Amino acid sequence: MNATSLSNHDAMTALHWRDLLERMIAHRTISSDDPALDCGNRTAVESLADQLADAGFTCRLTPLPGRDDKVNLVATLGGDEYERSPGGLALAGHIDTVPYDIDGWTSDPFRLTERDGRLYGLGTTDMKGFIALAAATAGEYATTPLAAPLSIVVSADEECGMDGARLLAETAAPARFCVIGEPTSLVPIRQHKGIFMETIETLGAAGHSSNPAHGANAIEAMHQALGAVLSFRDALRARGEAAGFPVAHSTLNAGAIRGGDAANRIPARCRLDIDLRFLPGMAIDELRDELRSRVNRALAGSDCQVRFTPLFPGTPAFETPADSPIVAACETLTGQTAAAVDFATEGAFYNAMGMESIVLGPGDIALAHQPDEYLALDRIPPTQRILHGLIDRFCRNPV
């Protein structure tokens, strides 16, 4: 692991959220499984780190193994006091984005554009807007004595595999509490489902369709496998519900299927891709093992083989206790009871580090990954007020 540290406490400069956001939007930070679309985030993160260092933060940049163009950033105020304090607050998120459809945009996605009380640009809501607001608000405390450290955490590659958060989870926590600024419309989120995606392939033998004995039909084998998958889906639903989730039970989606190449040819291969969203308390490895066991049993005696491949390692379900201080503080500051969502974040990885975490950001999830993504200007003042309240609570006057 290679890491770089930056600091500049001699010539502190003020941070302005709009300037920070404009610069971040201008950087292409797309994460994609398609190498032709995938971009690194290093240039954008180094630019942010330079500005944070000039404002008085101590910055540490760590590249992903084998990917020097993708880096994590931990920028800290009051870091020297951390060893003497059990508290502290991290304001965390990512600045990578998904790819975009240029035909759907009415303005340049890489230029911050204001119209109708909204700031348009790729990543404004998910979630460069929060990072800009968090960095600028935290920067206001650069000359304020802190009783516990205040950190800005930017992770790499969240949109593909959350590899940056996985790497951060191997290191010491920069704070006791964490706010992840994913788009929640300023509603605190303390629970979300986990996710894993799996490819199931049935492998047979090609042959002329005039005689089934000349081959082994992979599509017919997949019919049996799919039956086992859907039976597993129904079993998961019957295992119970969790109050507060928009969809109260685990879900399993058969999302893509491909097989064969001609009507007069016995297909030798068929592929099914599935997406499983599971409730807190369930474990990825156990669910994956059960899925595979059910499919293997369904194909026992078949003349086709079956092969399983994870599409990515998976993201654990996330749950922070309702009585956690960070949950209570966010509920008080927002006037909203902490809720649950079906989409996934990096929260479980930060909780695993020992940081009690909550998801709370000014963006709207309905606008994420969409053309003409925007952040409403009327979300800015309440976000700043909430951030000031959290910093005062956990860094200036921790209890």
Protein backbone atom coordinates (compact mmCIF):
# COMPACT_ATOMS: atom_id res chain seq x y z
CA MET A 1 0.00 0.00 0.00
CA ASN A 2 1.37 3.37 -1.02
CA ALA A 3 0.26 6.49 0.83
CA THR A 4 1.00 10.20 0.49
CA SER A 5 0.53 12.82 3.19
CA LEU A 6 -0.01 16.53 2.69
CA SER A 7 -0.34 19.32 5.21
CA ASN A 8 -0.07 23.09 5.25
CA HIS A 9 -0.87 24.71 8.55
CA ASP A 10 1.13 27.87 7.86
CA ALA A 11 -0.99 29.52 5.15
CA MET A 12 -4.59 28.56 5.72
CA THR A 13 -7.12 29.52 3.06
CA ALA A 14 -10.89 29.52 3.26
CA LEU A 15 -12.88 26.83 1.45
CA HIS A 16 -15.98 27.76 -0.53
CA TRP A 17 -18.42 24.94 -1.19
CA ARG A 18 -19.51 26.16 -4.59
CA ASP A 19 -15.94 26.53 -5.81
CA LEU A 20 -15.13 23.05 -4.52
CA LEU A 21 -18.20 21.59 -6.22
CA GLU A 22 -17.49 23.35 -9.50
CA ARG A 23 -13.98 21.92 -9.58
CA MET A 24 -15.13 18.41 -8.72
CA ILE A 25 -17.86 18.44 -11.37
CA ALA A 26 -15.27 19.45 -13.97
CA HIS A 27 -13.29 16.25 -13.31
CA ARG A 28 -14.38 13.06 -15.06
CA THR A 29 -14.48 10.49 -12.25
CA ILE A 30 -16.60 7.78 -13.86
CA SER A 31 -16.44 4.27 -12.43
CA SER A 32 -17.44 1.48 -14.80
CA ASP A 33 -16.80 -2.19 -15.42
CA ASP A 34 -16.21 -1.17 -19.05
CA PRO A 35 -12.54 -0.14 -19.36
CA ALA A 36 -13.46 2.21 -22.20
CA LEU A 37 -15.63 4.25 -19.80
CA ASP A 38 -13.78 3.83 -16.51
CA CYS A 39 -11.81 6.81 -15.20
CA GLY A 40 -9.62 7.27 -12.20
CA ASN A 41 -10.42 9.74 -9.44
CA ARG A 42 -6.84 10.64 -8.56
CA THR A 43 -6.64 14.02 -10.28
CA ALA A 44 -9.90 15.14 -8.69
CA VAL A 45 -8.94 13.86 -5.24
CA GLU A 46 -5.49 15.42 -5.40
CA SER A 47 -7.06 18.76 -6.32
CA LEU A 48 -9.43 18.49 -3.34
CA ALA A 49 -6.58 17.41 -1.05
CA ASP A 50 -4.48 20.41 -2.09
CA GLN A 51 -7.32 22.76 -1.19
CA LEU A 52 -7.93 20.98 2.12
CA ALA A 53 -4.22 21.08 2.97
CA ASP A 54 -4.15 24.81 2.24
CA ALA A 55 -7.08 25.20 4.64
CA GLY A 56 -5.22 23.44 7.46
CA PHE A 57 -6.12 19.76 7.08
CA THR A 58 -3.61 16.95 7.26
CA CYS A 59 -4.32 14.81 4.20
CA ARG A 60 -3.47 11.20 3.50
CA LEU A 61 -3.97 9.70 0.05
CA THR A 62 -3.87 5.93 -0.43
CA PRO A 63 -4.17 4.27 -3.86
CA LEU A 64 -6.10 1.07 -4.43
CA PRO A 65 -3.78 -1.92 -4.89
CA GLY A 66 -2.81 -2.10 -8.53
CA ARG A 67 -4.79 1.05 -9.38
CA ASP A 68 -2.66 4.15 -8.83
CA ASP A 69 -5.31 6.24 -10.62
CA LYS A 70 -7.88 5.50 -7.90
CA VAL A 71 -7.20 6.79 -4.39
CA ASN A 72 -8.80 7.19 -0.98
CA LEU A 73 -8.44 10.43 0.94
CA VAL A 74 -8.58 11.01 4.69
CA ALA A 75 -8.22 14.70 5.58
CA THR A 76 -8.18 15.57 9.28
CA LEU A 77 -8.34 18.56 11.58
CA GLY A 78 -7.25 18.04 15.18
CA GLY A 79 -5.63 14.71 14.45
CA ASP A 80 -2.98 15.15 17.13
CA GLU A 81 -5.67 15.06 19.79
CA TYR A 82 -7.27 11.82 18.60
CA GLU A 83 -5.15 9.51 20.73
CA ARG A 84 -6.47 11.30 23.81
CA SER A 85 -10.10 11.36 22.71
CA PRO A 86 -12.58 8.53 22.16
CA GLY A 87 -14.76 10.73 19.95
CA GLY A 88 -14.46 12.52 16.67
CA LEU A 89 -16.53 12.75 13.50
CA ALA A 90 -15.90 11.67 9.93
CA LEU A 91 -17.87 13.15 7.03
CA ALA A 92 -17.60 10.53 4.32
CA GLY A 93 -18.53 9.79 0.76
CA HIS A 94 -17.34 9.26 -2.79
CA ILE A 95 -16.79 11.48 -5.81
CA ASP A 96 -16.84 8.81 -8.51
CA THR A 97 -19.96 8.74 -10.68
CA VAL A 98 -21.72 6.32 -12.99
CA PRO A 99 -21.48 6.76 -16.79
CA TYR A 100 -23.85 9.22 -18.41
CA ASP A 101 -26.09 9.48 -21.46
CA ILE A 102 -25.12 12.74 -23.13
CA ASP A 103 -28.34 12.82 -25.19
CA GLY A 104 -30.38 13.10 -21.98
CA TRP A 105 -28.58 16.19 -20.67
CA THR A 106 -29.73 19.72 -21.44
CA SER A 107 -26.44 21.19 -20.20
CA ASP A 108 -22.82 20.06 -20.03
CA PRO A 109 -22.66 17.33 -17.32
CA PHE A 110 -19.09 18.40 -16.48
CA ARG A 111 -19.93 22.06 -15.92
CA LEU A 112 -21.81 23.22 -12.83
CA THR A 113 -24.89 25.00 -14.20
CA GLU A 114 -27.45 26.92 -12.16
CA ARG A 115 -31.03 27.30 -13.34
CA ASP A 116 -34.45 27.35 -11.66
CA GLY A 117 -32.97 27.13 -8.17
CA ARG A 118 -30.96 24.01 -8.99
CA LEU A 119 -27.31 23.15 -9.58
CA TYR A 120 -26.93 20.73 -12.48
CA GLY A 121 -23.93 18.50 -13.12
CA LEU A 122 -22.89 14.86 -13.07
CA GLY A 123 -22.51 13.89 -9.41
CA THR A 124 -24.17 16.93 -7.86
CA THR A 125 -26.65 14.82 -5.90
CA ASP A 126 -24.66 11.56 -5.82
CA MET A 127 -22.59 12.82 -4.15
CA LYS A 128 -20.08 15.54 -4.93
CA GLY A 129 -22.49 18.10 -3.51
CA PHE A 130 -22.23 16.65 -0.02
CA ILE A 131 -18.44 16.37 -0.16
CA ALA A 132 -18.17 20.04 -1.17
CA LEU A 133 -20.48 21.14 1.63
CA ALA A 134 -18.79 18.90 4.19
CA ALA A 135 -15.29 20.08 3.26
CA ALA A 136 -16.22 23.76 3.30
CA THR A 137 -18.13 23.52 6.58
CA ALA A 138 -15.37 21.52 8.25
CA GLY A 139 -12.85 24.08 6.98
CA GLU A 140 -14.55 26.75 9.07
CA TYR A 141 -13.12 24.98 12.14
CA ALA A 142 -9.50 25.04 10.97
CA THR A 143 -8.53 27.59 13.62
CA THR A 144 -10.97 26.39 16.27
CA PRO A 145 -9.65 24.23 19.10
CA LEU A 146 -11.24 20.78 18.78
CA ALA A 147 -11.67 18.31 21.59
CA ALA A 148 -11.88 15.45 19.07
CA PRO A 149 -10.76 15.15 15.44
CA LEU A 150 -12.83 16.12 12.41
CA SER A 151 -12.19 14.23 9.16
CA ILE A 152 -13.27 14.29 5.54
CA VAL A 153 -13.15 10.79 4.03
CA VAL A 154 -13.37 10.27 0.26
CA SER A 155 -13.45 6.67 -0.97
CA ALA A 156 -12.56 5.37 -4.42
CA ASP A 157 -14.68 3.29 -6.79
CA GLU A 158 -17.89 3.22 -4.75
CA GLU A 159 -20.07 2.92 -7.84
CA CYS A 160 -18.53 -0.38 -9.00
CA GLY A 161 -17.35 -2.51 -6.11
CA MET A 162 -16.81 -0.25 -3.06
CA ASP A 163 -13.15 -1.23 -3.21
CA GLY A 164 -12.08 2.02 -1.58
CA ALA A 165 -14.25 1.39 1.47
CA ARG A 166 -13.00 -2.21 1.66
CA LEU A 167 -9.44 -0.86 1.78
CA LEU A 168 -10.33 1.75 4.40
CA ALA A 169 -11.89 -0.99 6.53
CA GLU A 170 -8.41 -2.52 6.89
CA THR A 171 -7.09 0.63 8.58
CA ALA A 172 -7.66 2.42 11.87
CA ALA A 173 -10.87 4.42 12.11
CA PRO A 174 -10.31 8.18 11.81
CA ALA A 175 -13.21 8.91 14.16
CA ARG A 176 -15.75 7.36 16.51
CA PHE A 177 -18.78 8.50 14.49
CA CYS A 178 -19.42 8.86 10.78
CA VAL A 179 -21.94 10.55 8.48
CA ILE A 180 -22.08 9.20 4.92
CA GLY A 181 -23.59 11.85 2.68
CA GLU A 182 -25.40 9.69 0.14
CA PRO A 183 -28.61 11.25 -1.23
CA THR A 184 -31.35 10.81 1.39
CA SER A 185 -33.18 14.16 1.08
CA LEU A 186 -31.82 14.97 4.57
CA VAL A 187 -33.60 12.02 6.17
CA PRO A 188 -31.21 10.06 8.44
CA ILE A 189 -30.84 6.41 7.45
CA ARG A 190 -29.58 3.86 9.98
CA GLN A 191 -30.40 0.64 8.10
CA HIS A 192 -30.15 -0.64 4.57
CA LYS A 193 -30.17 -3.98 2.84
CA GLY A 194 -27.11 -5.87 1.73
CA ILE A 195 -26.56 -6.98 -1.84
CA PHE A 196 -24.81 -9.62 -3.84
CA MET A 197 -24.95 -10.47 -7.52
CA GLU A 198 -24.20 -13.89 -8.96
CA THR A 199 -23.83 -15.44 -12.41
CA ILE A 200 -25.13 -18.99 -12.83
CA GLU A 201 -24.05 -20.83 -15.97
CA THR A 202 -25.29 -24.20 -17.20
CA LEU A 203 -22.77 -25.95 -19.43
CA GLY A 204 -23.92 -28.69 -21.81
CA ALA A 205 -22.88 -29.91 -25.23
CA ALA A 206 -23.83 -28.59 -28.67
CA GLY A 207 -25.43 -30.81 -31.27
CA HIS A 208 -27.92 -30.96 -34.12
CA SER A 209 -31.44 -30.30 -32.96
CA SER A 210 -32.82 -33.26 -34.92
CA ASN A 211 -31.57 -35.66 -32.26
CA PRO A 212 -31.52 -34.61 -28.58
CA ALA A 213 -29.08 -37.43 -27.85
CA HIS A 214 -26.43 -35.58 -29.84
CA GLY A 215 -26.02 -32.91 -27.16
CA ALA A 216 -26.92 -31.67 -23.70
CA ASN A 217 -29.35 -28.76 -23.65
CA ALA A 218 -28.07 -25.98 -21.38
CA ILE A 219 -31.30 -23.97 -21.67
CA GLU A 220 -33.35 -26.88 -20.36
CA ALA A 221 -30.89 -27.25 -17.49
CA MET A 222 -31.23 -23.53 -16.79
CA HIS A 223 -35.00 -24.03 -16.61
CA GLN A 224 -34.36 -26.35 -13.64
CA ALA A 225 -31.83 -23.94 -12.14
CA LEU A 226 -34.20 -21.00 -12.48
CA GLY A 227 -36.89 -22.97 -10.69
CA ALA A 228 -34.52 -23.45 -7.77
CA VAL A 229 -33.62 -19.75 -7.79
CA LEU A 230 -37.25 -18.65 -7.69
CA SER A 231 -38.00 -21.16 -4.95
CA PHE A 232 -35.14 -19.62 -2.96
CA ARG A 233 -36.63 -16.17 -3.56
CA ASP A 234 -39.97 -17.32 -2.14
CA ALA A 235 -38.27 -18.94 0.85
CA LEU A 236 -36.41 -15.73 1.65
CA ARG A 237 -39.63 -13.75 1.55
CA ALA A 238 -41.25 -16.23 3.94
CA ARG A 239 -38.42 -15.85 6.48
CA GLY A 240 -39.83 -12.60 7.76
CA GLU A 241 -39.94 -8.88 7.31
CA ALA A 242 -38.15 -5.92 8.84
CA ALA A 243 -40.19 -2.90 9.82
CA GLY A 244 -39.24 0.41 8.27
CA PHE A 245 -37.96 -0.81 4.91
CA PRO A 246 -39.85 0.31 1.80
CA VAL A 247 -39.80 -3.36 0.74
CA ALA A 248 -39.95 -5.15 4.06
CA HIS A 249 -38.53 -8.51 2.94
CA SER A 250 -35.46 -9.75 1.08
CA THR A 251 -35.73 -9.67 -2.71
CA LEU A 252 -34.17 -11.71 -5.49
CA ASN A 253 -34.27 -10.55 -9.10
CA ALA A 254 -33.48 -12.72 -12.13
CA GLY A 255 -32.14 -9.83 -14.15
CA ALA A 256 -30.56 -11.20 -17.32
CA ILE A 257 -30.52 -14.51 -19.19
CA ARG A 258 -28.67 -15.49 -22.34
CA GLY A 259 -28.31 -18.85 -24.06
CA GLY A 260 -28.08 -20.58 -27.40
CA ASP A 261 -27.44 -19.18 -30.84
CA ALA A 262 -29.80 -20.91 -33.29
CA ALA A 263 -33.14 -22.70 -33.21
CA ASN A 264 -31.74 -25.81 -34.92
CA ARG A 265 -28.76 -26.22 -32.61
CA ILE A 266 -28.71 -27.72 -29.12
CA PRO A 267 -27.42 -24.94 -26.86
CA ALA A 268 -24.20 -25.71 -25.03
CA ARG A 269 -24.34 -22.78 -22.62
CA CYS A 270 -26.87 -20.62 -20.79
CA ARG A 271 -26.19 -17.78 -18.35
CA LEU A 272 -28.39 -16.22 -15.69
CA ASP A 273 -27.47 -13.11 -13.67
CA ILE A 274 -29.26 -12.54 -10.38
CA ASP A 275 -29.39 -9.72 -7.80
CA LEU A 276 -30.20 -10.52 -4.15
CA ARG A 277 -31.01 -7.77 -1.60
CA PHE A 278 -31.10 -9.06 1.95
CA LEU A 279 -32.07 -7.77 5.38
CA PRO A 280 -29.76 -6.93 8.30
CA GLY A 281 -28.86 -10.06 10.23
CA MET A 282 -28.27 -12.11 7.09
CA ALA A 283 -24.76 -12.96 5.88
CA ILE A 284 -23.54 -12.89 2.28
CA ASP A 285 -21.55 -16.12 2.47
CA GLU A 286 -24.42 -18.08 3.99
CA LEU A 287 -26.89 -16.82 1.41
CA ARG A 288 -24.52 -17.53 -1.47
CA ASP A 289 -23.88 -21.06 -0.15
CA GLU A 290 -27.60 -21.73 0.12
CA LEU A 291 -28.27 -20.46 -3.39
CA ARG A 292 -25.59 -22.70 -4.84
CA SER A 293 -26.71 -25.70 -2.82
CA ARG A 294 -30.31 -25.35 -4.04
CA VAL A 295 -29.26 -25.05 -7.67
CA ASN A 296 -26.86 -27.98 -7.42
CA ARG A 297 -29.62 -30.14 -5.95
CA ALA A 298 -32.00 -29.14 -8.74
CA LEU A 299 -29.44 -30.24 -11.35
CA ALA A 300 -28.44 -33.49 -9.65
CA GLY A 301 -28.51 -36.16 -12.34
CA SER A 302 -28.53 -33.61 -15.16
CA ASP A 303 -26.26 -34.12 -18.14
CA CYS A 304 -25.20 -30.46 -17.80
CA GLN A 305 -22.72 -28.93 -15.39
CA VAL A 306 -23.29 -25.72 -13.45
CA ARG A 307 -20.82 -22.95 -12.69
CA PHE A 308 -21.21 -20.02 -10.28
CA THR A 309 -19.35 -16.70 -10.46
CA PRO A 310 -19.84 -13.70 -8.16
CA LEU A 311 -20.36 -10.51 -10.18
CA PHE A 312 -18.74 -8.62 -7.28
CA PRO A 313 -17.91 -9.57 -3.69
CA GLY A 314 -21.13 -8.11 -2.32
CA THR A 315 -22.00 -5.44 0.21
CA PRO A 316 -23.15 -6.37 3.74
CA ALA A 317 -26.41 -5.12 5.15
CA PHE A 318 -26.06 -2.02 7.31
CA GLU A 319 -27.54 -1.34 10.71
CA THR A 320 -26.61 1.16 13.39
CA PRO A 321 -28.48 0.86 16.70
CA ALA A 322 -31.41 3.21 17.16
CA ASP A 323 -29.90 4.46 20.44
CA SER A 324 -26.51 5.36 18.94
CA PRO A 325 -25.43 8.95 19.70
CA ILE A 326 -24.99 9.68 15.98
CA VAL A 327 -28.54 8.52 15.27
CA ALA A 328 -29.95 10.60 18.09
CA ALA A 329 -28.02 13.69 17.02
CA CYS A 330 -29.15 13.42 13.40
CA GLU A 331 -32.75 12.86 14.40
CA THR A 332 -32.65 15.97 16.60
CA LEU A 333 -30.99 18.14 13.97
CA THR A 334 -33.23 17.04 11.10
CA GLY A 335 -36.48 16.58 13.01
CA GLN A 336 -36.81 13.22 11.24
CA THR A 337 -36.89 9.71 12.68
CA ALA A 338 -34.08 7.54 11.30
CA ALA A 339 -35.35 5.28 8.53
CA ALA A 340 -34.31 2.33 6.34
CA VAL A 341 -33.71 2.08 2.58
CA ASP A 342 -33.36 -0.71 0.05
CA PHE A 343 -30.26 0.63 -1.74
CA ALA A 344 -26.73 -0.09 -0.49
CA THR A 345 -23.96 2.21 0.76
CA GLU A 346 -20.53 1.91 2.34
CA GLY A 347 -22.06 2.07 5.82
CA ALA A 348 -21.37 -1.54 6.79
CA PHE A 349 -17.66 -1.12 6.05
CA TYR A 350 -17.41 1.99 8.21
CA ASN A 351 -19.34 0.32 11.01
CA ALA A 352 -16.90 -2.60 10.78
CA MET A 353 -14.05 -0.13 11.36
CA GLY A 354 -15.62 0.81 14.67
CA MET A 355 -17.30 4.02 13.52
CA GLU A 356 -21.00 4.21 14.36
CA SER A 357 -22.38 5.50 11.08
CA ILE A 358 -25.48 7.05 9.63
CA VAL A 359 -26.38 7.90 6.03
CA LEU A 360 -27.55 11.49 5.56
CA GLY A 361 -27.16 13.78 2.58
CA PRO A 362 -28.86 16.65 0.75
CA GLY A 363 -29.36 14.91 -2.59
CA ASP A 364 -32.42 13.05 -3.83
CA ILE A 365 -31.93 9.35 -4.66
CA ALA A 366 -34.57 9.64 -7.41
CA LEU A 367 -32.16 11.94 -9.30
CA ALA A 368 -29.09 9.72 -8.90
CA HIS A 369 -27.78 8.01 -12.04
CA GLN A 370 -30.19 10.09 -14.16
CA PRO A 371 -29.65 12.67 -16.92
CA ASP A 372 -29.89 16.27 -15.71
CA GLU A 373 -28.88 15.28 -12.19
CA TYR A 374 -29.11 18.28 -9.88
CA LEU A 375 -28.87 19.48 -6.29
CA ALA A 376 -31.59 21.89 -5.17
CA LEU A 377 -30.19 25.13 -3.79
CA ASP A 378 -32.76 25.17 -0.97
CA ARG A 379 -31.05 22.05 0.46
CA ILE A 380 -27.79 23.95 1.04
CA PRO A 381 -28.63 26.00 4.19
CA PRO A 382 -30.22 23.11 6.12
CA THR A 383 -27.29 20.85 5.25
CA GLN A 384 -24.83 23.44 6.55
CA ARG A 385 -26.88 23.86 9.72
CA ILE A 386 -26.92 20.09 10.32
CA LEU A 387 -23.18 19.79 9.69
CA HIS A 388 -22.42 22.63 12.11
CA GLY A 389 -24.58 20.94 14.73
CA LEU A 390 -22.83 17.60 14.28
CA ILE A 391 -19.35 19.12 14.42
CA ASP A 392 -20.20 21.07 17.55
CA ARG A 393 -21.66 17.93 19.15
CA PHE A 394 -18.93 15.44 18.32
CA CYS A 395 -15.76 17.51 17.88
CA ARG A 396 -16.09 20.66 19.98
CA ASN A 397 -18.17 19.43 22.92
CA PRO A 398 -18.09 15.61 22.90
CA VAL A 399 -19.62 13.86 25.90
